Every structure is written in structure tokens, then in C-alpha cells.
């Protein structure tokens, strides 16, 4: 298994957000392990407002964790 999470520490909030997106995407891949099934489901959630909002909420939660780990980039 690839270690895509070597640290929650990032240099900038933008990098933190990109990491949050990566974490959310990797979580989905861990839950639904079949890439073909994920590909088939993509069209369903791409047009479902509730599912898109839920996805954004997961990314926001991941970002919140990363921001806290980075002391909200206060330097």
C-alpha cells in the first residue's frame, strides 16, 4: 500500500486543502476498492447536489484537521 500521508504539515493553506482533497479521495478508494464500480458511480454523484455537498463537507473536515495540525499557518 502506498504511503501517501507522510505528514499533515504543509507549507501553505493551499497545500493543506490539496492534501484534504487527496485524503477524501483516498478514503473513497479504500471503501470502494473496485475502480470500475467507482467509475460507474461517478456519474450518479456528479449530478446529485446532496452527494456533492456531502463530499465538500468531508473535504472541509479533513482540511480542518490539517489546519489545526499546522497551527492554522500562524508563523
C-alpha atoms as a PDB file:
ATOM      1  CA  UNK A   1       0.000   0.000   0.000  1.00  0.00           C
ATOM      2  CA  UNK A   2       1.308   3.440  -0.974  1.00  0.00           C
ATOM      3  CA  UNK A   3       2.111   5.801   1.910  1.00  0.00           C
ATOM      4  CA  UNK A   4       0.538   8.982   0.550  1.00  0.00           C
ATOM      5  CA  UNK A   5       0.333  10.562   4.011  1.00  0.00           C
ATOM      6  CA  UNK A   6       3.794  11.196   5.338  1.00  0.00           C
ATOM      7  CA  UNK A   7       2.698  14.262   7.328  1.00  0.00           C
ATOM      8  CA  UNK A   8      -0.207  16.605   7.935  1.00  0.00           C
ATOM      9  CA  UNK A   9       2.227  19.519   7.937  1.00  0.00           C
ATOM     10  CA  UNK A  10       2.080  21.661   4.799  1.00  0.00           C
ATOM     11  CA  UNK A  11       3.748  24.943   3.911  1.00  0.00           C
ATOM     12  CA  UNK A  12       0.586  26.767   2.860  1.00  0.00           C
ATOM     13  CA  UNK A  13      -3.187  26.580   3.322  1.00  0.00           C
ATOM     14  CA  UNK A  14      -3.487  25.781  -0.391  1.00  0.00           C
ATOM     15  CA  UNK A  15      -1.250  22.734   0.029  1.00  0.00           C
ATOM     16  CA  UNK A  16      -3.333  21.808   3.062  1.00  0.00           C
ATOM     17  CA  UNK A  17      -6.503  21.939   1.008  1.00  0.00           C
ATOM     18  CA  UNK A  18      -4.937  19.838  -1.727  1.00  0.00           C
ATOM     19  CA  UNK A  19      -3.954  17.302   0.931  1.00  0.00           C
ATOM     20  CA  UNK A  20      -7.517  17.330   2.281  1.00  0.00           C
ATOM     21  CA  UNK A  21      -8.841  16.522  -1.198  1.00  0.00           C
ATOM     22  CA  UNK A  22      -6.306  13.716  -1.551  1.00  0.00           C
ATOM     23  CA  UNK A  23      -7.319  12.258   1.812  1.00  0.00           C
ATOM     24  CA  UNK A  24     -11.006  12.347   0.887  1.00  0.00           C
ATOM     25  CA  UNK A  25     -10.348  10.680  -2.468  1.00  0.00           C
ATOM     26  CA  UNK A  26      -8.123   8.005  -0.951  1.00  0.00           C
ATOM     27  CA  UNK A  27     -10.770   7.255   1.675  1.00  0.00           C
ATOM     28  CA  UNK A  28     -13.329   6.572  -1.048  1.00  0.00           C
ATOM     29  CA  UNK A  29     -10.861   4.290  -2.839  1.00  0.00           C
ATOM     30  CA  UNK A  30     -10.285   2.375   0.405  1.00  0.00           C
ATOM     31  CA  UNK A  31     -14.023   1.956   0.968  1.00  0.00           C
ATOM     32  CA  UNK A  32     -14.941   1.086  -2.628  1.00  0.00           C
ATOM     33  CA  UNK A  33     -11.944  -0.910  -3.811  1.00  0.00           C
ATOM     34  CA  UNK A  34     -13.193  -1.694  -7.324  1.00  0.00           C
ATOM     35  CA  UNK A  35     -12.118   1.096  -9.698  1.00  0.00           C
ATOM     36  CA  UNK A  36     -14.737   0.141 -12.303  1.00  0.00           C
ATOM     37  CA  UNK A  37     -17.526   0.439  -9.742  1.00  0.00           C
ATOM     38  CA  UNK A  38     -16.207   3.852  -8.655  1.00  0.00           C
ATOM     39  CA  UNK A  39     -16.145   4.928 -12.291  1.00  0.00           C
ATOM     40  CA  UNK A  40     -19.751   3.779 -12.808  1.00  0.00           C
ATOM     41  CA  UNK A  41     -20.929   5.566  -9.640  1.00  0.00           C
ATOM     42  CA  UNK A  42     -19.222   8.831 -10.578  1.00  0.00           C
ATOM     43  CA  UNK A  43     -21.996   9.841 -12.974  1.00  0.00           C
ATOM     44  CA  UNK A  44     -24.572   9.335 -10.202  1.00  0.00           C
ATOM     45  CA  UNK A  45     -22.967  11.632  -7.670  1.00  0.00           C
ATOM     46  CA  UNK A  46     -21.755  14.136 -10.266  1.00  0.00           C
ATOM     47  CA  UNK A  47     -25.344  15.296 -10.739  1.00  0.00           C
ATOM     48  CA  UNK A  48     -26.611  14.794  -7.182  1.00  0.00           C
ATOM     49  CA  UNK A  49     -26.421  18.033  -5.222  1.00  0.00           C
ATOM     50  CA  UNK A  50     -26.700  16.305  -1.842  1.00  0.00           C
ATOM     51  CA  UNK A  51     -23.851  13.929  -2.604  1.00  0.00           C
ATOM     52  CA  UNK A  52     -21.677  16.778  -3.858  1.00  0.00           C
ATOM     53  CA  UNK A  53     -22.356  18.793  -0.701  1.00  0.00           C
ATOM     54  CA  UNK A  54     -21.544  15.732   1.424  1.00  0.00           C
ATOM     55  CA  UNK A  55     -18.249  15.355  -0.450  1.00  0.00           C
ATOM     56  CA  UNK A  56     -17.417  19.013   0.168  1.00  0.00           C
ATOM     57  CA  UNK A  57     -18.178  18.532   3.871  1.00  0.00           C
ATOM     58  CA  UNK A  58     -15.724  15.631   4.082  1.00  0.00           C
ATOM     59  CA  UNK A  59     -13.026  17.722   2.420  1.00  0.00           C
ATOM     60  CA  UNK A  60     -13.769  20.578   4.842  1.00  0.00           C
ATOM     61  CA  UNK A  61     -13.454  18.217   7.792  1.00  0.00           C
ATOM     62  CA  UNK A  62     -10.141  16.877   6.520  1.00  0.00           C
ATOM     63  CA  UNK A  63      -8.945  20.460   5.959  1.00  0.00           C
ATOM     64  CA  UNK A  64      -9.978  21.426   9.490  1.00  0.00           C
ATOM     65  CA  UNK A  65      -7.774  18.647  10.872  1.00  0.00           C
ATOM     66  CA  UNK A  66      -4.845  19.667   8.661  1.00  0.00           C
ATOM     67  CA  UNK A  67      -5.234  23.350   9.570  1.00  0.00           C
ATOM     68  CA  UNK A  68      -5.157  22.513  13.275  1.00  0.00           C
ATOM     69  CA  UNK A  69      -2.043  20.364  12.781  1.00  0.00           C
ATOM     70  CA  UNK A  70      -0.409  23.356  11.092  1.00  0.00           C
ATOM     71  CA  UNK A  71      -1.455  25.772  13.870  1.00  0.00           C
ATOM     72  CA  UNK A  72      -3.605  27.456  11.219  1.00  0.00           C
ATOM     73  CA  UNK A  73      -0.382  28.549   9.454  1.00  0.00           C
ATOM     74  CA  UNK A  74       0.395  31.141  12.136  1.00  0.00           C
ATOM     75  CA  UNK A  75       4.064  31.924  11.713  1.00  0.00           C
END
